[in-house]
PDB file of N, CA and C in Angstrom:
ATOM      1  N   MET A   1     -32.225  36.249  37.479  1.00  0.00           N
ATOM      2  CA  MET A   1     -32.271  35.273  36.613  1.00  0.00           C
ATOM      3  C   MET A   1     -33.258  34.066  37.093  1.00  0.00           C
ATOM      4  N   GLU A   2     -32.999  33.721  38.363  1.00  0.00           N
ATOM      5  CA  GLU A   2     -33.917  32.651  38.948  1.00  0.00           C
ATOM      6  C   GLU A   2     -35.419  33.179  38.989  1.00  0.00           C
ATOM      7  N   LYS A   3     -35.719  34.325  39.233  1.00  0.00           N
ATOM      8  CA  LYS A   3     -37.230  34.829  38.963  1.00  0.00           C
ATOM      9  C   LYS A   3     -37.584  34.756  37.557  1.00  0.00           C
ATOM     10  N   LEU A   4     -36.882  34.896  36.639  1.00  0.00           N
ATOM     11  CA  LEU A   4     -37.100  34.728  35.182  1.00  0.00           C
ATOM     12  C   LEU A   4     -37.535  33.293  34.815  1.00  0.00           C
ATOM     13  N   LYS A   5     -36.668  32.225  35.451  1.00  0.00           N
ATOM     14  CA  LYS A   5     -36.932  30.849  35.156  1.00  0.00           C
ATOM     15  C   LYS A   5     -38.164  30.405  35.655  1.00  0.00           C
ATOM     16  N   ILE A   6     -38.496  31.031  37.051  1.00  0.00           N
ATOM     17  CA  ILE A   6     -39.695  30.498  37.726  1.00  0.00           C
ATOM     18  C   ILE A   6     -40.938  31.146  36.906  1.00  0.00           C
ATOM     19  N   LEU A   7     -40.815  32.326  36.298  1.00  0.00           N
ATOM     20  CA  LEU A   7     -41.886  32.989  35.700  1.00  0.00           C
ATOM     21  C   LEU A   7     -42.087  32.130  34.256  1.00  0.00           C
ATOM     22  N   ILE A   8     -41.036  31.875  33.724  1.00  0.00           N
ATOM     23  CA  ILE A   8     -41.191  31.145  32.452  1.00  0.00           C
ATOM     24  C   ILE A   8     -41.864  29.672  32.557  1.00  0.00           C
ATOM     25  N   LEU A   9     -41.432  29.028  33.840  1.00  0.00           N
ATOM     26  CA  LEU A   9     -41.955  27.778  34.042  1.00  0.00           C
ATOM     27  C   LEU A   9     -43.502  27.849  34.519  1.00  0.00           C
ATOM     28  N   GLY A  10     -43.826  28.982  35.142  1.00  0.00           N
ATOM     29  CA  GLY A  10     -45.091  29.189  35.537  1.00  0.00           C
ATOM     30  C   GLY A  10     -46.066  29.378  34.248  1.00  0.00           C
ATOM     31  N   LEU A  11     -45.596  30.234  33.518  1.00  0.00           N
ATOM     32  CA  LEU A  11     -46.312  30.377  32.277  1.00  0.00           C
ATOM     33  C   LEU A  11     -46.440  29.182  31.355  1.00  0.00           C
ATOM     34  N   LEU A  12     -45.362  28.415  31.142  1.00  0.00           N
ATOM     35  CA  LEU A  12     -45.474  27.246  30.420  1.00  0.00           C
ATOM     36  C   LEU A  12     -46.379  26.107  31.109  1.00  0.00           C
ATOM     37  N   ALA A  13     -46.432  26.094  32.379  1.00  0.00           N
ATOM     38  CA  ALA A  13     -47.241  25.281  33.076  1.00  0.00           C
ATOM     39  C   ALA A  13     -48.820  25.718  32.812  1.00  0.00           C
ATOM     40  N   ALA A  14     -49.015  26.931  32.884  1.00  0.00           N
ATOM     41  CA  ALA A  14     -50.401  27.702  32.757  1.00  0.00           C
ATOM     42  C   ALA A  14     -50.860  27.287  31.276  1.00  0.00           C
ATOM     43  N   PHE A  15     -49.889  27.366  30.319  1.00  0.00           N
ATOM     44  CA  PHE A  15     -50.273  27.110  28.934  1.00  0.00           C
ATOM     45  C   PHE A  15     -50.516  25.630  28.664  1.00  0.00           C
ATOM     46  N   VAL A  16     -49.777  24.761  29.320  1.00  0.00           N
ATOM     47  CA  VAL A  16     -50.058  23.377  29.196  1.00  0.00           C
ATOM     48  C   VAL A  16     -51.446  23.014  29.709  1.00  0.00           C
ATOM     49  N   LEU A  17     -51.628  23.331  31.022  1.00  0.00           N
ATOM     50  CA  LEU A  17     -52.939  23.187  31.659  1.00  0.00           C
ATOM     51  C   LEU A  17     -54.170  23.700  30.965  1.00  0.00           C
ATOM     52  N   SER A  18     -53.950  24.729  30.331  1.00  0.00           N
ATOM     53  CA  SER A  18     -55.262  25.477  29.723  1.00  0.00           C
ATOM     54  C   SER A  18     -55.443  24.596  28.361  1.00  0.00           C
ATOM     55  N   SER A  19     -54.513  24.037  27.787  1.00  0.00           N
ATOM     56  CA  SER A  19     -54.709  23.525  26.367  1.00  0.00           C
ATOM     57  C   SER A  19     -55.005  21.979  26.558  1.00  0.00           C
ATOM     58  N   CYS A  20     -55.214  21.561  27.753  1.00  0.00           N
ATOM     59  CA  CYS A  20     -55.578  20.161  28.038  1.00  0.00           C
ATOM     60  C   CYS A  20     -56.981  19.670  27.326  1.00  0.00           C
ATOM     61  N   SER A  21     -57.228  18.533  27.074  1.00  0.00           N
ATOM     62  CA  SER A  21     -58.606  18.295  26.549  1.00  0.00           C
ATOM     63  C   SER A  21     -59.263  17.395  27.528  1.00  0.00           C
ATOM     64  N   THR A  22     -60.455  17.431  27.369  1.00  0.00           N
ATOM     65  CA  THR A  22     -61.273  16.613  28.297  1.00  0.00           C
ATOM     66  C   THR A  22     -62.215  15.639  27.595  1.00  0.00           C
ATOM     67  N   ILE A  23     -62.572  14.389  28.104  1.00  0.00           N
ATOM     68  CA  ILE A  23     -63.495  13.532  27.452  1.00  0.00           C
ATOM     69  C   ILE A  23     -64.921  13.803  28.163  1.00  0.00           C
ATOM     70  N   HIS A  24     -65.793  13.879  27.275  1.00  0.00           N
ATOM     71  CA  HIS A  24     -67.292  14.226  27.686  1.00  0.00           C
ATOM     72  C   HIS A  24     -68.160  13.113  27.186  1.00  0.00           C
ATOM     73  N   TRP A  25     -69.389  13.043  27.642  1.00  0.00           N
ATOM     74  CA  TRP A  25     -70.259  12.132  27.100  1.00  0.00           C
ATOM     75  C   TRP A  25     -71.538  13.075  26.746  1.00  0.00           C
ATOM     76  N   ALA A  26     -72.190  12.792  25.714  1.00  0.00           N
ATOM     77  CA  ALA A  26     -73.582  13.289  25.501  1.00  0.00           C
ATOM     78  C   ALA A  26     -74.603  12.215  25.069  1.00  0.00           C
ATOM     79  N   SER A  27     -75.918  12.650  25.286  1.00  0.00           N
ATOM     80  CA  SER A  27     -76.856  11.559  24.970  1.00  0.00           C
ATOM     81  C   SER A  27     -78.177  12.041  24.407  1.00  0.00           C
ATOM     82  N   VAL A  28     -78.787  11.214  23.711  1.00  0.00           N
ATOM     83  CA  VAL A  28     -80.175  11.594  23.345  1.00  0.00           C
ATOM     84  C   VAL A  28     -81.126  10.553  23.825  1.00  0.00           C
ATOM     85  N   LYS A  29     -82.210  11.078  24.449  1.00  0.00           N
ATOM     86  CA  LYS A  29     -83.205  10.191  25.071  1.00  0.00           C
ATOM     87  C   LYS A  29     -84.617  10.437  24.380  1.00  0.00           C
ATOM     88  N   ASN A  30     -85.043   9.115  24.041  1.00  0.00           N
ATOM     89  CA  ASN A  30     -86.298   9.254  23.480  1.00  0.00           C
ATOM     90  C   ASN A  30     -87.374   9.033  24.562  1.00  0.00           C
ATOM     91  N   ALA A  31     -88.110  10.109  24.894  1.00  0.00           N
ATOM     92  CA  ALA A  31     -89.117  10.377  26.024  1.00  0.00           C
ATOM     93  C   ALA A  31     -90.461  10.129  25.328  1.00  0.00           C
ATOM     94  N   THR A  32     -90.632   9.542  24.083  1.00  0.00           N
ATOM     95  CA  THR A  32     -91.972   9.332  23.526  1.00  0.00           C
ATOM     96  C   THR A  32     -92.290   7.832  23.814  1.00  0.00           C
ATOM     97  N   ALA A  33     -93.441   7.451  23.219  1.00  0.00           N
ATOM     98  CA  ALA A  33     -94.052   6.152  23.351  1.00  0.00           C
ATOM     99  C   ALA A  33     -93.790   5.377  22.156  1.00  0.00           C
ATOM    100  N   GLU A  34     -93.096   5.918  21.113  1.00  0.00           N
ATOM    101  CA  GLU A  34     -92.819   5.161  19.816  1.00  0.00           C
ATOM    102  C   GLU A  34     -91.260   5.110  19.557  1.00  0.00           C
ATOM    103  N   GLU A  35     -91.041   4.069  18.682  1.00  0.00           N
ATOM    104  CA  GLU A  35     -89.513   4.013  18.135  1.00  0.00           C
ATOM    105  C   GLU A  35     -89.240   5.220  17.109  1.00  0.00           C
ATOM    106  N   LEU A  36     -88.065   5.661  17.527  1.00  0.00           N
ATOM    107  CA  LEU A  36     -87.605   6.775  16.582  1.00  0.00           C
ATOM    108  C   LEU A  36     -86.486   6.458  15.870  1.00  0.00           C
ATOM    109  N   MET A  37     -86.194   6.996  14.680  1.00  0.00           N
ATOM    110  CA  MET A  37     -84.822   6.974  14.090  1.00  0.00           C
ATOM    111  C   MET A  37     -84.059   8.307  14.099  1.00  0.00           C
ATOM    112  N   VAL A  38     -82.967   8.350  14.826  1.00  0.00           N
ATOM    113  CA  VAL A  38     -82.331   9.617  15.054  1.00  0.00           C
ATOM    114  C   VAL A  38     -80.981   9.637  14.326  1.00  0.00           C
ATOM    115  N   LYS A  39     -80.910  10.752  13.480  1.00  0.00           N
ATOM    116  CA  LYS A  39     -79.692  10.979  12.579  1.00  0.00           C
ATOM    117  C   LYS A  39     -79.056  12.203  13.203  1.00  0.00           C
ATOM    118  N   VAL A  40     -77.701  11.935  13.613  1.00  0.00           N
ATOM    119  CA  VAL A  40     -76.924  13.066  14.276  1.00  0.00           C
ATOM    120  C   VAL A  40     -75.845  13.413  13.300  1.00  0.00           C
ATOM    121  N   THR A  41     -75.814  14.713  13.059  1.00  0.00           N
ATOM    122  CA  THR A  41     -74.758  15.131  12.000  1.00  0.00           C
ATOM    123  C   THR A  41     -73.702  15.923  12.766  1.00  0.00           C
ATOM    124  N   PHE A  42     -72.473  15.810  12.372  1.00  0.00           N
ATOM    125  CA  PHE A  42     -71.265  16.322  12.971  1.00  0.00           C
ATOM    126  C   PHE A  42     -70.480  16.898  11.841  1.00  0.00           C
ATOM    127  N   LYS A  43     -70.161  18.196  12.132  1.00  0.00           N
ATOM    128  CA  LYS A  43     -69.202  18.878  11.151  1.00  0.00           C
ATOM    129  C   LYS A  43     -67.778  18.984  11.742  1.00  0.00           C
ATOM    130  N   THR A  44     -66.792  18.463  11.185  1.00  0.00           N
ATOM    131  CA  THR A  44     -65.560  18.262  11.895  1.00  0.00           C
ATOM    132  C   THR A  44     -64.533  18.664  10.803  1.00  0.00           C
ATOM    133  N   GLN A  45     -63.285  18.989  11.080  1.00  0.00           N
ATOM    134  CA  GLN A  45     -62.128  19.214  10.228  1.00  0.00           C
ATOM    135  C   GLN A  45     -62.144  18.310   8.964  1.00  0.00           C
ATOM    136  N   TYR A  46     -62.568  16.941   9.292  1.00  0.00           N
ATOM    137  CA  TYR A  46     -62.543  16.016   8.209  1.00  0.00           C
ATOM    138  C   TYR A  46     -63.849  15.941   7.288  1.00  0.00           C
ATOM    139  N   GLY A  47     -64.614  16.709   7.509  1.00  0.00           N
ATOM    140  CA  GLY A  47     -66.093  16.878   6.707  1.00  0.00           C
ATOM    141  C   GLY A  47     -67.123  16.435   7.618  1.00  0.00           C
ATOM    142  N   ILE A  48     -68.138  16.127   6.928  1.00  0.00           N
ATOM    143  CA  ILE A  48     -69.594  15.777   7.683  1.00  0.00           C
ATOM    144  C   ILE A  48     -69.444  14.370   7.923  1.00  0.00           C
ATOM    145  N   GLN A  49     -69.828  14.018   9.174  1.00  0.00           N
ATOM    146  CA  GLN A  49     -70.003  12.736   9.657  1.00  0.00           C
ATOM    147  C   GLN A  49     -71.330  12.560  10.199  1.00  0.00           C
ATOM    148  N   VAL A  50     -72.082  11.432   9.892  1.00  0.00           N
ATOM    149  CA  VAL A  50     -73.353  11.159  10.358  1.00  0.00           C
ATOM    150  C   VAL A  50     -73.457   9.811  11.175  1.00  0.00           C
ATOM    151  N   MET A  51     -74.194   9.940  12.218  1.00  0.00           N
ATOM    152  CA  MET A  51     -74.392   8.713  13.064  1.00  0.00           C
ATOM    153  C   MET A  51     -75.839   8.484  13.195  1.00  0.00           C
ATOM    154  N   ASN A  52     -76.386   7.427  12.518  1.00  0.00           N
ATOM    155  CA  ASN A  52     -77.715   6.900  12.622  1.00  0.00           C
ATOM    156  C   ASN A  52     -78.065   6.030  13.889  1.00  0.00           C
ATOM    157  N   MET A  53     -79.102   6.225  14.623  1.00  0.00           N
ATOM    158  CA  MET A  53     -79.449   5.293  15.651  1.00  0.00           C
ATOM    159  C   MET A  53     -80.909   5.224  15.770  1.00  0.00           C
ATOM    160  N   PRO A  54     -81.348   3.968  15.910  1.00  0.00           N
ATOM    161  CA  PRO A  54     -82.675   3.758  16.195  1.00  0.00           C
ATOM    162  C   PRO A  54     -82.824   3.775  17.794  1.00  0.00           C
ATOM    163  N   LEU A  55     -84.073   4.383  18.273  1.00  0.00           N
ATOM    164  CA  LEU A  55     -84.200   4.737  19.745  1.00  0.00           C
ATOM    165  C   LEU A  55     -85.635   4.103  19.972  1.00  0.00           C
ATOM    166  N   GLN A  56     -85.641   2.893  20.849  1.00  0.00           N
ATOM    167  CA  GLN A  56     -86.927   2.509  21.271  1.00  0.00           C
ATOM    168  C   GLN A  56     -87.497   3.486  22.328  1.00  0.00           C
ATOM    169  N   ALA A  57     -88.667   3.401  22.542  1.00  0.00           N
ATOM    170  CA  ALA A  57     -89.321   4.223  23.616  1.00  0.00           C
ATOM    171  C   ALA A  57     -88.755   4.109  24.933  1.00  0.00           C
ATOM    172  N   GLY A  58     -88.310   5.303  25.396  1.00  0.00           N
ATOM    173  CA  GLY A  58     -87.689   5.384  26.713  1.00  0.00           C
ATOM    174  C   GLY A  58     -86.103   5.159  26.735  1.00  0.00           C
ATOM    175  N   GLU A  59     -85.555   4.727  25.496  1.00  0.00           N
ATOM    176  CA  GLU A  59     -84.229   4.378  25.397  1.00  0.00           C
ATOM    177  C   GLU A  59     -83.304   5.614  25.315  1.00  0.00           C
ATOM    178  N   VAL A  60     -82.056   5.415  25.774  1.00  0.00           N
ATOM    179  CA  VAL A  60     -81.015   6.597  25.690  1.00  0.00           C
ATOM    180  C   VAL A  60     -79.869   6.081  24.976  1.00  0.00           C
ATOM    181  N   ASN A  61     -79.165   6.804  23.988  1.00  0.00           N
ATOM    182  CA  ASN A  61     -78.019   6.456  23.224  1.00  0.00           C
ATOM    183  C   ASN A  61     -76.963   7.437  23.654  1.00  0.00           C
ATOM    184  N   ILE A  62     -75.794   7.057  23.886  1.00  0.00           N
ATOM    185  CA  ILE A  62     -74.671   8.117  24.231  1.00  0.00           C
ATOM    186  C   ILE A  62     -73.490   8.032  23.279  1.00  0.00           C
ATOM    187  N   TRP A  63     -72.907   9.128  23.159  1.00  0.00           N
ATOM    188  CA  TRP A  63     -71.698   9.139  22.367  1.00  0.00           C
ATOM    189  C   TRP A  63     -70.797   9.924  23.252  1.00  0.00           C
ATOM    190  N   GLN A  64     -69.336   9.811  22.848  1.00  0.00           N
ATOM    191  CA  GLN A  64     -68.297  10.393  23.672  1.00  0.00           C
ATOM    192  C   GLN A  64     -67.586  11.306  22.622  1.00  0.00           C
ATOM    193  N   TYR A  65     -67.179  12.478  23.108  1.00  0.00           N
ATOM    194  CA  TYR A  65     -66.339  13.416  22.381  1.00  0.00           C
ATOM    195  C   TYR A  65     -65.226  14.059  23.167  1.00  0.00           C
ATOM    196  N   GLU A  66     -64.471  14.630  22.671  1.00  0.00           N
ATOM    197  CA  GLU A  66     -63.112  15.289  23.190  1.00  0.00           C
ATOM    198  C   GLU A  66     -63.185  16.813  22.888  1.00  0.00           C
ATOM    199  N   GLN A  67     -63.055  17.589  23.882  1.00  0.00           N
ATOM    200  CA  GLN A  67     -63.017  19.024  23.817  1.00  0.00           C
ATOM    201  C   GLN A  67     -61.994  19.655  24.744  1.00  0.00           C
ATOM    202  N   SER A  68     -61.437  20.903  24.453  1.00  0.00           N
ATOM    203  CA  SER A  68     -60.491  21.520  25.243  1.00  0.00           C
ATOM    204  C   SER A  68     -61.246  21.729  26.623  1.00  0.00           C
ATOM    205  N   SER A  69     -60.418  22.171  27.636  1.00  0.00           N
ATOM    206  CA  SER A  69     -60.995  22.508  28.876  1.00  0.00           C
ATOM    207  C   SER A  69     -61.771  23.838  28.715  1.00  0.00           C
ATOM    208  N   ARG A  70     -61.248  24.538  27.820  1.00  0.00           N
ATOM    209  CA  ARG A  70     -61.927  25.995  27.700  1.00  0.00           C
ATOM    210  C   ARG A  70     -63.358  25.800  27.299  1.00  0.00           C
ATOM    211  N   GLU A  71     -63.744  24.661  26.592  1.00  0.00           N
ATOM    212  CA  GLU A  71     -65.151  24.460  26.018  1.00  0.00           C
ATOM    213  C   GLU A  71     -65.962  23.557  26.808  1.00  0.00           C
ATOM    214  N   SER A  72     -65.650  23.421  28.073  1.00  0.00           N
ATOM    215  CA  SER A  72     -66.220  22.370  28.978  1.00  0.00           C
ATOM    216  C   SER A  72     -67.794  22.733  28.968  1.00  0.00           C
ATOM    217  N   LYS A  73     -68.088  24.002  28.828  1.00  0.00           N
ATOM    218  CA  LYS A  73     -69.648  24.073  28.994  1.00  0.00           C
ATOM    219  C   LYS A  73     -70.333  24.209  27.701  1.00  0.00           C
ATOM    220  N   THR A  74     -69.552  23.776  26.606  1.00  0.00           N
ATOM    221  CA  THR A  74     -70.296  23.710  25.342  1.00  0.00           C
ATOM    222  C   THR A  74     -70.609  22.269  24.915  1.00  0.00           C
ATOM    223  N   MET A  75     -71.724  22.100  24.523  1.00  0.00           N
ATOM    224  CA  MET A  75     -72.173  20.734  24.003  1.00  0.00           C
ATOM    225  C   MET A  75     -71.448  20.396  22.647  1.00  0.00           C
ATOM    226  N   ASP A  76     -70.781  19.153  22.766  1.00  0.00           N
ATOM    227  CA  ASP A  76     -69.975  18.853  21.537  1.00  0.00           C
ATOM    228  C   ASP A  76     -69.974  19.878  20.492  1.00  0.00           C
ATOM    229  N   LYS A  77     -69.021  20.541  20.268  1.00  0.00           N
ATOM    230  CA  LYS A  77     -68.786  21.654  19.153  1.00  0.00           C
ATOM    231  C   LYS A  77     -68.875  21.235  17.815  1.00  0.00           C
ATOM    232  N   ASN A  78     -68.751  19.831  17.672  1.00  0.00           N
ATOM    233  CA  ASN A  78     -68.836  19.407  16.275  1.00  0.00           C
ATOM    234  C   ASN A  78     -70.192  18.966  15.919  1.00  0.00           C
ATOM    235  N   LEU A  79     -71.229  18.784  17.007  1.00  0.00           N
ATOM    236  CA  LEU A  79     -72.540  18.463  16.586  1.00  0.00           C
ATOM    237  C   LEU A  79     -73.098  19.649  15.903  1.00  0.00           C
ATOM    238  N   HIS A  80     -73.773  19.287  14.737  1.00  0.00           N
ATOM    239  CA  HIS A  80     -74.315  20.254  13.872  1.00  0.00           C
ATOM    240  C   HIS A  80     -75.805  20.274  13.790  1.00  0.00           C
ATOM    241  N   SER A  81     -76.478  19.105  13.750  1.00  0.00           N
ATOM    242  CA  SER A  81     -78.017  19.121  13.738  1.00  0.00           C
ATOM    243  C   SER A  81     -78.424  17.533  14.105  1.00  0.00           C
ATOM    244  N   ILE A  82     -79.570  17.572  14.617  1.00  0.00           N
ATOM    245  CA  ILE A  82     -80.169  16.144  14.856  1.00  0.00           C
ATOM    246  C   ILE A  82     -81.550  16.138  14.125  1.00  0.00           C
ATOM    247  N   GLU A  83     -81.774  15.043  13.271  1.00  0.00           N
ATOM    248  CA  GLU A  83     -83.049  14.855  12.542  1.00  0.00           C
ATOM    249  C   GLU A  83     -83.675  13.652  13.162  1.00  0.00           C
ATOM    250  N   ILE A  84     -84.908  13.604  13.709  1.00  0.00           N
ATOM    251  CA  ILE A  84     -85.667  12.616  14.247  1.00  0.00           C
ATOM    252  C   ILE A  84     -86.911  12.339  13.485  1.00  0.00           C
ATOM    253  N   SER A  85     -87.211  11.034  12.980  1.00  0.00           N
ATOM    254  CA  SER A  85     -88.372  10.681  12.431  1.00  0.00           C
ATOM    255  C   SER A  85     -88.986   9.617  13.164  1.00  0.00           C
ATOM    256  N   GLY A  86     -90.371   9.518  13.226  1.00  0.00           N
ATOM    257  CA  GLY A  86     -91.117   8.442  13.743  1.00  0.00           C
ATOM    258  C   GLY A  86     -91.837   7.700  12.850  1.00  0.00           C
ATOM    259  N   ALA A  87     -92.866   7.060  13.371  1.00  0.00           N
ATOM    260  CA  ALA A  87     -93.784   6.138  12.468  1.00  0.00           C
ATOM    261  C   ALA A  87     -94.610   7.029  11.473  1.00  0.00           C
ATOM    262  N   GLY A  88     -95.006   8.328  12.016  1.00  0.00           N
ATOM    263  CA  GLY A  88     -95.781   9.158  11.181  1.00  0.00           C
ATOM    264  C   GLY A  88     -95.115   9.880  10.035  1.00  0.00           C
ATOM    265  N   SER A  89     -95.673  10.831   9.493  1.00  0.00           N
ATOM    266  CA  SER A  89     -95.153  11.463   8.347  1.00  0.00           C
ATOM    267  C   SER A  89     -94.381  12.731   8.890  1.00  0.00           C
ATOM    268  N   CYS A  90     -94.515  13.157  10.251  1.00  0.00           N
ATOM    269  CA  CYS A  90     -93.802  14.390  10.715  1.00  0.00           C
ATOM    270  C   CYS A  90     -92.407  13.976  11.108  1.00  0.00           C
ATOM    271  N   TYR A  91     -91.418  14.775  11.013  1.00  0.00           N
ATOM    272  CA  TYR A  91     -90.173  14.585  11.508  1.00  0.00           C
ATOM    273  C   TYR A  91     -89.530  15.909  12.097  1.00  0.00           C
ATOM    274  N   LEU A  92     -88.548  15.801  12.968  1.00  0.00           N
ATOM    275  CA  LEU A  92     -88.001  17.046  13.604  1.00  0.00           C
ATOM    276  C   LEU A  92     -86.569  17.283  13.070  1.00  0.00           C
ATOM    277  N   VAL A  93     -86.150  18.395  13.032  1.00  0.00           N
ATOM    278  CA  VAL A  93     -84.726  18.778  12.793  1.00  0.00           C
ATOM    279  C   VAL A  93     -84.374  19.952  13.814  1.00  0.00           C
ATOM    280  N   PHE A  94     -83.405  19.539  14.603  1.00  0.00           N
ATOM    281  CA  PHE A  94     -82.951  20.483  15.552  1.00  0.00           C
ATOM    282  C   PHE A  94     -81.568  20.965  15.152  1.00  0.00           C
ATOM    283  N   ASN A  95     -81.469  22.338  14.839  1.00  0.00           N
ATOM    284  CA  ASN A  95     -80.129  22.839  14.488  1.00  0.00           C
ATOM    285  C   ASN A  95     -79.297  23.152  15.742  1.00  0.00           C
ATOM    286  N   LYS A  96     -78.205  23.525  15.588  1.00  0.00           N
ATOM    287  CA  LYS A  96     -77.185  23.807  16.680  1.00  0.00           C
ATOM    288  C   LYS A  96     -77.644  24.719  17.666  1.00  0.00           C
ATOM    289  N   GLU A  97     -78.460  25.977  17.286  1.00  0.00           N
ATOM    290  CA  GLU A  97     -79.012  26.681  18.365  1.00  0.00           C
ATOM    291  C   GLU A  97     -80.107  26.104  19.184  1.00  0.00           C
ATOM    292  N   GLN A  98     -80.972  25.320  18.394  1.00  0.00           N
ATOM    293  CA  GLN A  98     -82.207  24.584  19.166  1.00  0.00           C
ATOM    294  C   GLN A  98     -81.582  23.508  20.013  1.00  0.00           C
ATOM    295  N   ILE A  99     -80.566  22.852  19.733  1.00  0.00           N
ATOM    296  CA  ILE A  99     -79.870  21.767  20.642  1.00  0.00           C
ATOM    297  C   ILE A  99     -79.311  22.532  21.807  1.00  0.00           C
ATOM    298  N   LYS A 100     -78.636  23.644  21.723  1.00  0.00           N
ATOM    299  CA  LYS A 100     -78.363  24.314  22.906  1.00  0.00           C
ATOM    300  C   LYS A 100     -79.436  24.641  23.830  1.00  0.00           C
ATOM    301  N   GLU A 101     -80.570  25.165  23.285  1.00  0.00           N
ATOM    302  CA  GLU A 101     -81.724  25.507  24.083  1.00  0.00           C
ATOM    303  C   GLU A 101     -82.123  24.157  24.827  1.00  0.00           C
ATOM    304  N   LYS A 102     -82.199  22.922  24.182  1.00  0.00           N
ATOM    305  CA  LYS A 102     -82.668  21.782  24.568  1.00  0.00           C
ATOM    306  C   LYS A 102     -81.881  21.327  25.771  1.00  0.00           C
ATOM    307  N   VAL A 103     -80.489  21.544  25.743  1.00  0.00           N
ATOM    308  CA  VAL A 103     -79.573  21.050  26.614  1.00  0.00           C
ATOM    309  C   VAL A 103     -79.425  21.996  27.867  1.00  0.00           C
ATOM    310  N   LYS A 104     -79.893  23.088  27.821  1.00  0.00           N
ATOM    311  CA  LYS A 104     -79.740  24.161  28.818  1.00  0.00           C
ATOM    312  C   LYS A 104     -80.137  23.663  30.320  1.00  0.00           C
ATOM    313  N   HIS A 105     -81.123  22.916  30.327  1.00  0.00           N
ATOM    314  CA  HIS A 105     -81.578  22.485  31.655  1.00  0.00           C
ATOM    315  C   HIS A 105     -81.145  21.002  32.044  1.00  0.00           C
ATOM    316  N   THR A 106     -80.789  20.222  30.998  1.00  0.00           N
ATOM    317  CA  THR A 106     -80.351  18.802  31.178  1.00  0.00           C
ATOM    318  C   THR A 106     -78.963  18.517  30.635  1.00  0.00           C
ATOM    319  N   THR A 107     -78.086  18.601  31.551  1.00  0.00           N
ATOM    320  CA  THR A 107     -76.652  18.741  31.240  1.00  0.00           C
ATOM    321  C   THR A 107     -76.230  17.636  30.191  1.00  0.00           C
ATOM    322  N   ARG A 108     -76.006  18.040  28.928  1.00  0.00           N
ATOM    323  CA  ARG A 108     -75.578  17.186  27.745  1.00  0.00           C
ATOM    324  C   ARG A 108     -76.530  15.979  27.403  1.00  0.00           C
ATOM    325  N   GLN A 109     -77.822  16.203  27.830  1.00  0.00           N
ATOM    326  CA  GLN A 109     -78.727  15.160  27.364  1.00  0.00           C
ATOM    327  C   GLN A 109     -79.857  15.774  26.606  1.00  0.00           C
ATOM    328  N   ILE A 110     -80.028  15.309  25.254  1.00  0.00           N
ATOM    329  CA  ILE A 110     -80.971  15.934  24.437  1.00  0.00           C
ATOM    330  C   ILE A 110     -82.193  15.084  24.540  1.00  0.00           C
ATOM    331  N   VAL A 111     -83.368  15.492  25.158  1.00  0.00           N
ATOM    332  CA  VAL A 111     -84.434  14.748  25.327  1.00  0.00           C
ATOM    333  C   VAL A 111     -85.473  15.085  24.241  1.00  0.00           C
ATOM    334  N   ILE A 112     -85.941  14.000  23.638  1.00  0.00           N
ATOM    335  CA  ILE A 112     -86.969  14.155  22.467  1.00  0.00           C
ATOM    336  C   ILE A 112     -88.286  13.709  23.016  1.00  0.00           C
ATOM    337  N   SER A 113     -89.263  14.771  23.106  1.00  0.00           N
ATOM    338  CA  SER A 113     -90.553  14.451  23.766  1.00  0.00           C
ATOM    339  C   SER A 113     -91.598  14.385  22.850  1.00  0.00           C
ATOM    340  N   ALA A 114     -92.891  13.808  23.153  1.00  0.00           N
ATOM    341  CA  ALA A 114     -93.851  13.760  22.379  1.00  0.00           C
ATOM    342  C   ALA A 114     -94.330  15.033  22.038  1.00  0.00           C
ATOM    343  N   GLU A 115     -94.185  16.134  22.867  1.00  0.00           N
ATOM    344  CA  GLU A 115     -94.582  17.484  22.600  1.00  0.00           C
ATOM    345  C   GLU A 115     -93.866  18.145  21.258  1.00  0.00           C
ATOM    346  N   ASP A 116     -92.530  17.637  21.315  1.00  0.00           N
ATOM    347  CA  ASP A 116     -91.696  18.148  20.083  1.00  0.00           C
ATOM    348  C   ASP A 116     -92.367  17.643  18.820  1.00  0.00           C
ATOM    349  N   PHE A 117     -92.798  16.378  18.788  1.00  0.00           N
ATOM    350  CA  PHE A 117     -93.431  15.822  17.401  1.00  0.00           C
ATOM    351  C   PHE A 117     -94.791  16.466  17.298  1.00  0.00           C
ATOM    352  N   HIS A 118     -95.549  16.698  18.489  1.00  0.00           N
ATOM    353  CA  HIS A 118     -96.848  17.378  18.153  1.00  0.00           C
ATOM    354  C   HIS A 118     -96.553  18.722  17.622  1.00  0.00           C
ATOM    355  N   THR A 119     -95.661  19.466  18.017  1.00  0.00           N
ATOM    356  CA  THR A 119     -95.287  20.790  17.510  1.00  0.00           C
ATOM    357  C   THR A 119     -95.083  20.700  16.103  1.00  0.00           C
ATOM    358  N   ALA A 120     -94.191  19.706  15.788  1.00  0.00           N
ATOM    359  CA  ALA A 120     -93.770  19.612  14.341  1.00  0.00           C
ATOM    360  C   ALA A 120     -94.869  19.225  13.424  1.00  0.00           C
ATOM    361  N   CYS A 121     -95.708  18.337  13.731  1.00  0.00           N
ATOM    362  CA  CYS A 121     -96.882  17.982  13.040  1.00  0.00           C
ATOM    363  C   CYS A 121     -97.864  19.199  12.863  1.00  0.00           C
ATOM    364  N   GLU A 122     -97.955  20.043  13.837  1.00  0.00           N
ATOM    365  CA  GLU A 122     -98.950  21.165  13.760  1.00  0.00           C
ATOM    366  C   GLU A 122     -98.356  22.011  12.741  1.00  0.00           C
ATOM    367  N   LYS A 123     -97.112  22.293  12.636  1.00  0.00           N
ATOM    368  CA  LYS A 123     -96.522  23.231  11.583  1.00  0.00           C
ATOM    369  C   LYS A 123     -96.737  22.566  10.058  1.00  0.00           C
ATOM    370  N   VAL A 124     -96.830  21.292   9.996  1.00  0.00           N
ATOM    371  CA  VAL A 124     -96.986  20.705   8.677  1.00  0.00           C
ATOM    372  C   VAL A 124     -98.447  20.959   8.170  1.00  0.00           C
ATOM    373  N   ARG A 125     -99.276  20.990   9.098  1.00  0.00           N
ATOM    374  CA  ARG A 125    -100.738  21.092   8.624  1.00  0.00           C
ATOM    375  C   ARG A 125    -101.170  22.288   8.104  1.00  0.00           C
TER     376      ARG A 125
END
């Protein structure tokens, strides 16, 4: 009987620990020489939420999100897309898969480079 109590307590403790959530930070960095307008879209259980933020050249904007400890290696699971516009007519849209690729080498920081805009403008022409 005592072993059963210990086993049940152990399983309960494992369940509680595995279901804990953790607070993370994510950021968008403007690595260009111009001011950008960044529109970050999140899809949550409450619907679509949009965060607009102007970013000066070299500026970083940060947001906070909460995920379970099982998702600790996943960039904000609610993040759906990022749309970036500059002074020109070109704009960028990164979907969830493209965002995952961008953050692969920079833990939780999405860096927007001048090369990103150059590539987008070439596609338009």
